[in-house]
Amino acid sequence: MRSEPRSGCPINAAVEVLGDSWAMLVLRDIMFGNRRYFRELLMGSEEGIASNILSSRLKQLTAAGLLTRDDAQRGQRAMYSLTEAGIQTLPIMVVLGNWGLAYRVGSQRLRVRAELLRDGGPDLVAGMMDELRELHVGIPRPDPTAPRPSERLQAAYDNAMRVDVAP
C-alpha cells in the first residue's frame, strides 16, 4: 500500500483507503458485528469474503491507521481494534446506509440496523461512537448508565430475524 495518496485532494486520500468495498465491509463487521478476529470476520461475512482478500484488507486498514492489531503470541489469535480514525468512519457508514436504504433493495433483516441509525439521528450515532471508543480504545462512555446503542441495534436485528423466519 502506498504511504502517500496520489494527490493532495482529501476526497482522493479518503477513497484510496475507504473506496474498496471489502475494506468498508470489514470495518462494518468490526463495528456492528463486534467481529475482531480473522476467523470471526471470515466466517461471519454475509458477502463471503475470501481469506486472501480479508488478510489483505486487514493489513491495508492497519497500515492506514484505521485498525490496530494486538501482538498475539505464537499460537494465539490476533485481535483487531478500531482506532479513533476507524471509529470516525461510522458517520460515513450511516450516510452510505441511508443512500442504500433510499436507492437499493435488500432484505429487511439486513436493512433494519441502517434504518435504526437513520431514524435515531445524530444522538444515536454519537452514542455508538462512544461505545466503540469504550470497546476498542478503552475510553469510558460519558454516561455508563445509558443504554448501549449496540443493544438497540442487535434487538432490532433479532426482531427482524424472527419476523423474517416466521411462518
N, C-alpha and C. Protein backbone atom coordinates (compact mmCIF):
# COMPACT_ATOMS: atom_id res chain seq x y z
N MET A 1 0.83 -1.17 0.00
CA MET A 1 0.00 0.00 0.00
C MET A 1 0.88 1.24 0.00
N ARG A 2 0.50 2.24 -0.77
CA ARG A 2 1.29 3.47 -0.82
C ARG A 2 1.13 4.24 0.48
N SER A 3 2.19 4.91 0.85
CA SER A 3 2.12 5.69 2.08
C SER A 3 1.54 7.08 1.83
N GLU A 4 1.71 7.59 0.66
CA GLU A 4 1.19 8.91 0.30
C GLU A 4 0.10 8.76 -0.74
N PRO A 5 -0.97 9.56 -0.63
CA PRO A 5 -2.04 9.48 -1.65
C PRO A 5 -1.53 9.98 -3.01
N ARG A 6 -2.22 9.62 -4.07
CA ARG A 6 -1.85 10.01 -5.43
C ARG A 6 -1.87 11.53 -5.62
N SER A 7 -2.74 12.20 -4.87
CA SER A 7 -2.82 13.66 -4.97
C SER A 7 -3.12 14.23 -3.61
N GLY A 8 -3.11 15.52 -3.50
CA GLY A 8 -3.41 16.20 -2.26
C GLY A 8 -4.89 16.38 -2.00
N CYS A 9 -5.74 15.87 -2.89
CA CYS A 9 -7.18 16.01 -2.74
C CYS A 9 -7.66 15.15 -1.56
N PRO A 10 -8.37 15.72 -0.59
CA PRO A 10 -8.82 14.93 0.55
C PRO A 10 -9.82 13.83 0.16
N ILE A 11 -10.61 14.06 -0.87
CA ILE A 11 -11.54 13.01 -1.32
C ILE A 11 -10.76 11.83 -1.86
N ASN A 12 -9.74 12.11 -2.68
CA ASN A 12 -8.89 11.05 -3.20
C ASN A 12 -8.21 10.30 -2.07
N ALA A 13 -7.67 11.03 -1.11
CA ALA A 13 -6.95 10.40 0.00
C ALA A 13 -7.88 9.45 0.77
N ALA A 14 -9.13 9.87 0.99
CA ALA A 14 -10.09 9.01 1.69
C ALA A 14 -10.48 7.81 0.84
N VAL A 15 -10.72 8.04 -0.45
CA VAL A 15 -11.14 6.96 -1.33
C VAL A 15 -10.04 5.91 -1.48
N GLU A 16 -8.80 6.33 -1.43
CA GLU A 16 -7.71 5.35 -1.53
C GLU A 16 -7.73 4.36 -0.37
N VAL A 17 -8.24 4.77 0.77
CA VAL A 17 -8.34 3.87 1.92
C VAL A 17 -9.72 3.22 2.00
N LEU A 18 -10.77 4.00 1.81
CA LEU A 18 -12.13 3.53 2.04
C LEU A 18 -12.89 3.16 0.78
N GLY A 19 -12.32 3.39 -0.39
CA GLY A 19 -13.05 3.20 -1.64
C GLY A 19 -13.23 1.76 -2.06
N ASP A 20 -12.58 0.86 -1.39
CA ASP A 20 -12.70 -0.55 -1.71
C ASP A 20 -13.86 -1.14 -0.92
N SER A 21 -14.77 -1.82 -1.60
CA SER A 21 -15.96 -2.33 -0.90
C SER A 21 -15.59 -3.33 0.20
N TRP A 22 -14.58 -4.15 -0.01
CA TRP A 22 -14.22 -5.11 1.03
C TRP A 22 -13.71 -4.41 2.28
N ALA A 23 -12.96 -3.33 2.10
CA ALA A 23 -12.46 -2.58 3.27
C ALA A 23 -13.62 -2.04 4.09
N MET A 24 -14.62 -1.49 3.43
CA MET A 24 -15.78 -0.95 4.13
C MET A 24 -16.56 -2.06 4.83
N LEU A 25 -16.66 -3.21 4.20
CA LEU A 25 -17.40 -4.32 4.80
C LEU A 25 -16.66 -4.90 6.00
N VAL A 26 -15.35 -4.93 5.95
CA VAL A 26 -14.57 -5.38 7.11
C VAL A 26 -14.80 -4.41 8.27
N LEU A 27 -14.73 -3.11 8.00
CA LEU A 27 -15.00 -2.13 9.05
C LEU A 27 -16.42 -2.29 9.58
N ARG A 28 -17.38 -2.49 8.70
CA ARG A 28 -18.77 -2.69 9.12
C ARG A 28 -18.89 -3.87 10.07
N ASP A 29 -18.26 -4.99 9.71
CA ASP A 29 -18.37 -6.20 10.54
C ASP A 29 -17.68 -6.03 11.89
N ILE A 30 -16.61 -5.26 11.94
CA ILE A 30 -15.96 -4.99 13.22
C ILE A 30 -16.85 -4.06 14.05
N MET A 31 -17.41 -3.04 13.43
CA MET A 31 -18.25 -2.07 14.14
C MET A 31 -19.56 -2.66 14.63
N PHE A 32 -20.28 -3.28 13.74
CA PHE A 32 -21.64 -3.69 14.05
C PHE A 32 -21.77 -5.15 14.47
N GLY A 33 -20.81 -5.97 14.08
CA GLY A 33 -20.85 -7.38 14.44
C GLY A 33 -19.91 -7.73 15.57
N ASN A 34 -19.10 -6.75 15.99
CA ASN A 34 -18.08 -6.96 17.02
C ASN A 34 -17.22 -8.19 16.69
N ARG A 35 -16.93 -8.36 15.42
CA ARG A 35 -16.03 -9.43 14.98
C ARG A 35 -14.63 -8.85 14.96
N ARG A 36 -13.76 -9.38 15.79
CA ARG A 36 -12.45 -8.78 15.96
C ARG A 36 -11.30 -9.73 15.65
N TYR A 37 -11.63 -10.96 15.31
CA TYR A 37 -10.62 -11.95 14.97
C TYR A 37 -10.81 -12.38 13.52
N PHE A 38 -9.70 -12.79 12.90
CA PHE A 38 -9.71 -13.17 11.49
C PHE A 38 -10.82 -14.18 11.20
N ARG A 39 -10.87 -15.27 11.96
CA ARG A 39 -11.85 -16.33 11.68
C ARG A 39 -13.28 -15.82 11.82
N GLU A 40 -13.54 -14.98 12.84
CA GLU A 40 -14.88 -14.41 13.00
C GLU A 40 -15.26 -13.56 11.79
N LEU A 41 -14.32 -12.78 11.30
CA LEU A 41 -14.58 -11.93 10.14
C LEU A 41 -14.80 -12.78 8.89
N LEU A 42 -14.02 -13.83 8.76
CA LEU A 42 -14.13 -14.71 7.59
C LEU A 42 -15.44 -15.48 7.61
N MET A 43 -15.76 -16.12 8.72
CA MET A 43 -16.94 -16.97 8.80
C MET A 43 -18.24 -16.16 8.89
N GLY A 44 -18.17 -14.96 9.44
CA GLY A 44 -19.37 -14.16 9.63
C GLY A 44 -19.69 -13.24 8.48
N SER A 45 -18.89 -13.28 7.42
CA SER A 45 -19.10 -12.39 6.29
C SER A 45 -20.35 -12.78 5.51
N GLU A 46 -21.33 -11.90 5.53
CA GLU A 46 -22.57 -12.12 4.77
C GLU A 46 -22.28 -12.23 3.27
N GLU A 47 -21.25 -11.51 2.84
CA GLU A 47 -20.91 -11.45 1.41
C GLU A 47 -19.90 -12.51 0.98
N GLY A 48 -19.37 -13.28 1.92
CA GLY A 48 -18.47 -14.38 1.58
C GLY A 48 -17.08 -13.94 1.16
N ILE A 49 -16.43 -13.12 1.96
CA ILE A 49 -15.09 -12.66 1.64
C ILE A 49 -14.11 -13.84 1.63
N ALA A 50 -13.20 -13.84 0.68
CA ALA A 50 -12.16 -14.87 0.60
C ALA A 50 -11.06 -14.56 1.62
N SER A 51 -10.41 -15.59 2.12
CA SER A 51 -9.40 -15.40 3.17
C SER A 51 -8.25 -14.51 2.72
N ASN A 52 -7.81 -14.64 1.47
CA ASN A 52 -6.70 -13.81 1.00
C ASN A 52 -7.12 -12.34 0.89
N ILE A 53 -8.36 -12.08 0.51
CA ILE A 53 -8.86 -10.70 0.43
C ILE A 53 -8.98 -10.12 1.84
N LEU A 54 -9.52 -10.90 2.78
CA LEU A 54 -9.65 -10.44 4.15
C LEU A 54 -8.27 -10.11 4.73
N SER A 55 -7.33 -10.98 4.54
CA SER A 55 -5.98 -10.75 5.05
C SER A 55 -5.40 -9.46 4.48
N SER A 56 -5.58 -9.26 3.19
CA SER A 56 -5.09 -8.06 2.52
C SER A 56 -5.75 -6.80 3.08
N ARG A 57 -7.06 -6.84 3.26
CA ARG A 57 -7.78 -5.65 3.75
C ARG A 57 -7.43 -5.34 5.20
N LEU A 58 -7.26 -6.37 6.03
CA LEU A 58 -6.86 -6.13 7.41
C LEU A 58 -5.48 -5.46 7.45
N LYS A 59 -4.56 -5.90 6.62
CA LYS A 59 -3.24 -5.27 6.55
C LYS A 59 -3.35 -3.84 6.05
N GLN A 60 -4.18 -3.62 5.03
CA GLN A 60 -4.37 -2.28 4.46
C GLN A 60 -4.97 -1.33 5.50
N LEU A 61 -6.00 -1.77 6.19
CA LEU A 61 -6.66 -0.92 7.18
C LEU A 61 -5.76 -0.64 8.39
N THR A 62 -4.94 -1.60 8.74
CA THR A 62 -3.97 -1.41 9.81
C THR A 62 -2.90 -0.41 9.38
N ALA A 63 -2.37 -0.59 8.18
CA ALA A 63 -1.35 0.33 7.67
C ALA A 63 -1.88 1.75 7.53
N ALA A 64 -3.15 1.88 7.21
CA ALA A 64 -3.77 3.20 7.05
C ALA A 64 -4.15 3.84 8.38
N GLY A 65 -4.01 3.10 9.48
CA GLY A 65 -4.29 3.66 10.79
C GLY A 65 -5.74 3.59 11.22
N LEU A 66 -6.56 2.76 10.57
CA LEU A 66 -7.96 2.61 10.96
C LEU A 66 -8.16 1.46 11.94
N LEU A 67 -7.22 0.53 11.94
CA LEU A 67 -7.26 -0.62 12.84
C LEU A 67 -5.90 -0.77 13.51
N THR A 68 -5.92 -1.41 14.68
CA THR A 68 -4.68 -1.89 15.28
C THR A 68 -4.80 -3.40 15.40
N ARG A 69 -3.67 -4.04 15.43
CA ARG A 69 -3.62 -5.50 15.59
C ARG A 69 -2.79 -5.75 16.83
N ASP A 70 -3.37 -6.49 17.78
CA ASP A 70 -2.60 -6.75 19.01
C ASP A 70 -1.44 -7.67 18.70
N ASP A 71 -0.48 -7.66 19.58
CA ASP A 71 0.69 -8.51 19.40
C ASP A 71 0.40 -9.88 19.98
N ALA A 72 -0.23 -10.72 19.20
CA ALA A 72 -0.56 -12.07 19.66
C ALA A 72 0.72 -12.90 19.70
N GLN A 73 0.82 -13.71 20.73
CA GLN A 73 1.94 -14.64 20.84
C GLN A 73 1.73 -15.80 19.88
N ARG A 74 2.78 -16.50 19.59
CA ARG A 74 2.68 -17.64 18.68
C ARG A 74 1.60 -18.61 19.18
N GLY A 75 0.72 -19.00 18.29
CA GLY A 75 -0.35 -19.91 18.64
C GLY A 75 -1.61 -19.22 19.13
N GLN A 76 -1.54 -17.90 19.32
CA GLN A 76 -2.72 -17.15 19.75
C GLN A 76 -3.32 -16.40 18.57
N ARG A 77 -4.59 -16.10 18.70
CA ARG A 77 -5.27 -15.36 17.66
C ARG A 77 -5.04 -13.87 17.87
N ALA A 78 -4.78 -13.16 16.78
CA ALA A 78 -4.61 -11.71 16.85
C ALA A 78 -5.98 -11.04 16.85
N MET A 79 -6.13 -10.03 17.68
CA MET A 79 -7.38 -9.30 17.76
C MET A 79 -7.19 -7.92 17.12
N TYR A 80 -8.18 -7.52 16.34
CA TYR A 80 -8.17 -6.21 15.69
C TYR A 80 -9.08 -5.26 16.45
N SER A 81 -8.64 -4.02 16.55
CA SER A 81 -9.42 -2.97 17.21
C SER A 81 -9.47 -1.75 16.31
N LEU A 82 -10.57 -1.03 16.39
CA LEU A 82 -10.70 0.23 15.68
C LEU A 82 -9.85 1.29 16.39
N THR A 83 -9.24 2.16 15.61
CA THR A 83 -8.60 3.35 16.15
C THR A 83 -9.62 4.47 16.12
N GLU A 84 -9.26 5.64 16.62
CA GLU A 84 -10.17 6.78 16.52
C GLU A 84 -10.49 7.08 15.06
N ALA A 85 -9.50 6.98 14.18
CA ALA A 85 -9.76 7.20 12.75
C ALA A 85 -10.77 6.18 12.22
N GLY A 86 -10.67 4.93 12.67
CA GLY A 86 -11.63 3.91 12.26
C GLY A 86 -13.01 4.20 12.80
N ILE A 87 -13.08 4.63 14.06
CA ILE A 87 -14.37 4.97 14.67
C ILE A 87 -15.02 6.13 13.93
N GLN A 88 -14.22 7.06 13.47
CA GLN A 88 -14.74 8.22 12.75
C GLN A 88 -15.34 7.87 11.39
N THR A 89 -15.18 6.62 10.95
CA THR A 89 -15.84 6.21 9.69
C THR A 89 -17.30 5.84 9.93
N LEU A 90 -17.74 5.74 11.19
CA LEU A 90 -19.14 5.39 11.45
C LEU A 90 -20.12 6.34 10.77
N PRO A 91 -19.95 7.66 10.87
CA PRO A 91 -20.90 8.53 10.15
C PRO A 91 -20.90 8.30 8.64
N ILE A 92 -19.76 7.92 8.08
CA ILE A 92 -19.70 7.60 6.65
C ILE A 92 -20.54 6.36 6.38
N MET A 93 -20.43 5.37 7.26
CA MET A 93 -21.25 4.15 7.12
C MET A 93 -22.74 4.49 7.18
N VAL A 94 -23.10 5.39 8.09
CA VAL A 94 -24.50 5.78 8.23
C VAL A 94 -24.99 6.44 6.94
N VAL A 95 -24.19 7.34 6.38
CA VAL A 95 -24.58 8.01 5.14
C VAL A 95 -24.69 6.99 4.00
N LEU A 96 -23.75 6.07 3.91
CA LEU A 96 -23.84 5.02 2.88
C LEU A 96 -25.09 4.17 3.09
N GLY A 97 -25.37 3.83 4.34
CA GLY A 97 -26.58 3.07 4.65
C GLY A 97 -27.84 3.81 4.26
N ASN A 98 -27.87 5.12 4.53
CA ASN A 98 -29.04 5.92 4.16
C ASN A 98 -29.24 5.93 2.64
N TRP A 99 -28.15 6.07 1.92
CA TRP A 99 -28.24 6.04 0.46
C TRP A 99 -28.75 4.68 0.00
N GLY A 100 -28.20 3.62 0.58
CA GLY A 100 -28.64 2.27 0.22
C GLY A 100 -30.11 2.04 0.53
N LEU A 101 -30.56 2.56 1.67
CA LEU A 101 -31.99 2.44 2.02
C LEU A 101 -32.87 3.14 0.99
N ALA A 102 -32.43 4.29 0.53
CA ALA A 102 -33.24 5.08 -0.39
C ALA A 102 -33.22 4.55 -1.82
N TYR A 103 -32.11 3.97 -2.24
CA TYR A 103 -31.95 3.68 -3.67
C TYR A 103 -31.65 2.24 -4.02
N ARG A 104 -31.52 1.36 -3.05
CA ARG A 104 -31.22 -0.05 -3.34
C ARG A 104 -32.21 -0.94 -2.60
N VAL A 105 -32.40 -2.13 -3.09
CA VAL A 105 -33.29 -3.09 -2.42
C VAL A 105 -32.44 -3.99 -1.53
N GLY A 106 -33.10 -4.63 -0.59
CA GLY A 106 -32.40 -5.55 0.30
C GLY A 106 -33.38 -6.19 1.25
N SER A 107 -32.89 -7.16 1.99
CA SER A 107 -33.77 -7.86 2.92
C SER A 107 -33.96 -7.01 4.18
N GLN A 108 -35.11 -7.15 4.79
CA GLN A 108 -35.42 -6.36 5.99
C GLN A 108 -34.43 -6.64 7.11
N ARG A 109 -34.03 -7.89 7.29
CA ARG A 109 -33.11 -8.19 8.39
C ARG A 109 -31.77 -7.49 8.22
N LEU A 110 -31.38 -7.21 6.98
CA LEU A 110 -30.10 -6.52 6.76
C LEU A 110 -30.27 -5.00 6.65
N ARG A 111 -31.48 -4.53 6.52
CA ARG A 111 -31.74 -3.10 6.43
C ARG A 111 -32.08 -2.47 7.78
N VAL A 112 -32.48 -3.30 8.74
CA VAL A 112 -33.04 -2.78 9.99
C VAL A 112 -32.05 -1.94 10.79
N ARG A 113 -30.79 -2.30 10.82
CA ARG A 113 -29.81 -1.51 11.57
C ARG A 113 -29.61 -0.14 10.92
N ALA A 114 -29.54 -0.13 9.60
CA ALA A 114 -29.38 1.15 8.90
C ALA A 114 -30.60 2.03 9.13
N GLU A 115 -31.79 1.44 9.15
CA GLU A 115 -33.00 2.22 9.42
C GLU A 115 -32.96 2.81 10.83
N LEU A 116 -32.54 2.01 11.80
CA LEU A 116 -32.47 2.48 13.17
C LEU A 116 -31.45 3.62 13.32
N LEU A 117 -30.30 3.47 12.69
CA LEU A 117 -29.29 4.54 12.74
C LEU A 117 -29.80 5.80 12.05
N ARG A 118 -30.50 5.63 10.93
CA ARG A 118 -31.08 6.78 10.24
C ARG A 118 -32.10 7.48 11.13
N ASP A 119 -33.00 6.69 11.68
CA ASP A 119 -34.09 7.26 12.47
C ASP A 119 -33.63 7.75 13.83
N GLY A 120 -32.56 7.17 14.36
CA GLY A 120 -32.04 7.58 15.67
C GLY A 120 -31.30 8.90 15.63
N GLY A 121 -30.88 9.31 14.45
CA GLY A 121 -30.24 10.60 14.28
C GLY A 121 -28.86 10.70 14.91
N PRO A 122 -28.38 11.94 14.99
CA PRO A 122 -27.01 12.18 15.48
C PRO A 122 -26.75 11.68 16.90
N ASP A 123 -27.75 11.70 17.76
CA ASP A 123 -27.53 11.24 19.13
C ASP A 123 -27.21 9.75 19.19
N LEU A 124 -27.91 8.95 18.39
CA LEU A 124 -27.64 7.52 18.36
C LEU A 124 -26.26 7.25 17.77
N VAL A 125 -25.91 7.96 16.72
CA VAL A 125 -24.59 7.79 16.10
C VAL A 125 -23.49 8.18 17.09
N ALA A 126 -23.67 9.29 17.77
CA ALA A 126 -22.68 9.72 18.77
C ALA A 126 -22.56 8.70 19.89
N GLY A 127 -23.69 8.16 20.33
CA GLY A 127 -23.67 7.14 21.37
C GLY A 127 -22.95 5.88 20.91
N MET A 128 -23.17 5.51 19.65
CA MET A 128 -22.49 4.34 19.09
C MET A 128 -20.98 4.58 19.02
N MET A 129 -20.60 5.79 18.65
CA MET A 129 -19.17 6.11 18.59
C MET A 129 -18.55 6.06 19.99
N ASP A 130 -19.28 6.55 20.99
CA ASP A 130 -18.78 6.47 22.36
C ASP A 130 -18.62 5.01 22.79
N GLU A 131 -19.58 4.18 22.41
CA GLU A 131 -19.49 2.77 22.77
C GLU A 131 -18.30 2.10 22.06
N LEU A 132 -18.07 2.44 20.80
CA LEU A 132 -16.92 1.89 20.08
C LEU A 132 -15.61 2.34 20.72
N ARG A 133 -15.56 3.59 21.16
CA ARG A 133 -14.35 4.08 21.84
C ARG A 133 -14.09 3.28 23.11
N GLU A 134 -15.16 2.99 23.84
CA GLU A 134 -15.00 2.22 25.07
C GLU A 134 -14.47 0.82 24.76
N LEU A 135 -15.06 0.19 23.78
CA LEU A 135 -14.72 -1.20 23.44
C LEU A 135 -13.34 -1.33 22.80
N HIS A 136 -13.00 -0.40 21.91
CA HIS A 136 -11.79 -0.56 21.10
C HIS A 136 -10.60 0.25 21.60
N VAL A 137 -10.85 1.40 22.20
CA VAL A 137 -9.76 2.29 22.60
C VAL A 137 -9.61 2.35 24.11
N GLY A 138 -10.65 1.93 24.85
CA GLY A 138 -10.58 1.92 26.30
C GLY A 138 -11.01 3.22 26.95
N ILE A 139 -11.69 4.09 26.21
CA ILE A 139 -12.19 5.35 26.77
C ILE A 139 -13.61 5.11 27.27
N PRO A 140 -13.85 5.27 28.57
CA PRO A 140 -15.19 5.01 29.10
C PRO A 140 -16.25 5.92 28.45
N ARG A 141 -17.45 5.37 28.31
CA ARG A 141 -18.56 6.16 27.79
C ARG A 141 -18.87 7.29 28.76
N PRO A 142 -19.29 8.46 28.25
CA PRO A 142 -19.61 9.59 29.13
C PRO A 142 -20.67 9.25 30.18
N ASP A 143 -21.65 8.45 29.79
CA ASP A 143 -22.70 8.05 30.73
C ASP A 143 -22.79 6.53 30.71
N PRO A 144 -22.06 5.87 31.61
CA PRO A 144 -22.05 4.40 31.60
C PRO A 144 -23.40 3.76 31.93
N THR A 145 -24.33 4.55 32.46
CA THR A 145 -25.66 4.00 32.78
C THR A 145 -26.62 4.09 31.60
N ALA A 146 -26.24 4.85 30.57
CA ALA A 146 -27.10 4.98 29.39
C ALA A 146 -27.18 3.65 28.65
N PRO A 147 -28.33 3.37 28.04
CA PRO A 147 -28.44 2.14 27.25
C PRO A 147 -27.39 2.12 26.13
N ARG A 148 -26.90 0.95 25.84
CA ARG A 148 -25.89 0.80 24.78
C ARG A 148 -26.57 0.80 23.42
N PRO A 149 -26.14 1.67 22.51
CA PRO A 149 -26.72 1.66 21.17
C PRO A 149 -26.60 0.31 20.47
N SER A 150 -25.51 -0.41 20.72
CA SER A 150 -25.34 -1.72 20.08
C SER A 150 -26.44 -2.68 20.49
N GLU A 151 -26.93 -2.55 21.73
CA GLU A 151 -28.02 -3.42 22.18
C GLU A 151 -29.31 -3.09 21.45
N ARG A 152 -29.56 -1.80 21.19
CA ARG A 152 -30.74 -1.41 20.40
C ARG A 152 -30.64 -1.96 18.99
N LEU A 153 -29.45 -1.84 18.39
CA LEU A 153 -29.25 -2.34 17.03
C LEU A 153 -29.42 -3.85 16.97
N GLN A 154 -28.86 -4.55 17.96
CA GLN A 154 -28.97 -6.01 17.99
C GLN A 154 -30.40 -6.45 18.21
N ALA A 155 -31.13 -5.78 19.10
CA ALA A 155 -32.53 -6.12 19.35
C ALA A 155 -33.37 -5.92 18.09
N ALA A 156 -33.13 -4.85 17.37
CA ALA A 156 -33.86 -4.60 16.12
C ALA A 156 -33.54 -5.69 15.10
N TYR A 157 -32.28 -6.08 15.01
CA TYR A 157 -31.88 -7.15 14.09
C TYR A 157 -32.52 -8.48 14.49
N ASP A 158 -32.45 -8.80 15.79
CA ASP A 158 -33.05 -10.05 16.28
C ASP A 158 -34.55 -10.09 16.00
N ASN A 159 -35.22 -8.99 16.20
CA ASN A 159 -36.65 -8.90 15.92
C ASN A 159 -36.92 -9.11 14.43
N ALA A 160 -36.11 -8.50 13.59
CA ALA A 160 -36.27 -8.66 12.14
C ALA A 160 -36.01 -10.11 11.74
N MET A 161 -35.08 -10.77 12.41
CA MET A 161 -34.80 -12.18 12.11
C MET A 161 -36.01 -13.04 12.46
N ARG A 162 -36.68 -12.76 13.58
CA ARG A 162 -37.88 -13.52 13.97
C ARG A 162 -38.99 -13.31 12.94
N VAL A 163 -39.17 -12.08 12.49
CA VAL A 163 -40.20 -11.77 11.51
C VAL A 163 -39.85 -12.42 10.18
N ASP A 164 -38.56 -12.42 9.84
CA ASP A 164 -38.09 -12.97 8.56
C ASP A 164 -38.31 -14.48 8.46
N VAL A 165 -38.25 -15.19 9.59
CA VAL A 165 -38.42 -16.65 9.58
C VAL A 165 -39.80 -17.11 10.04
N ALA A 166 -40.66 -16.16 10.42
CA ALA A 166 -42.00 -16.53 10.88
C ALA A 166 -42.79 -17.17 9.74
N PRO A 167 -43.66 -18.16 10.06
CA PRO A 167 -44.42 -18.85 9.02
C PRO A 167 -45.45 -17.96 8.36
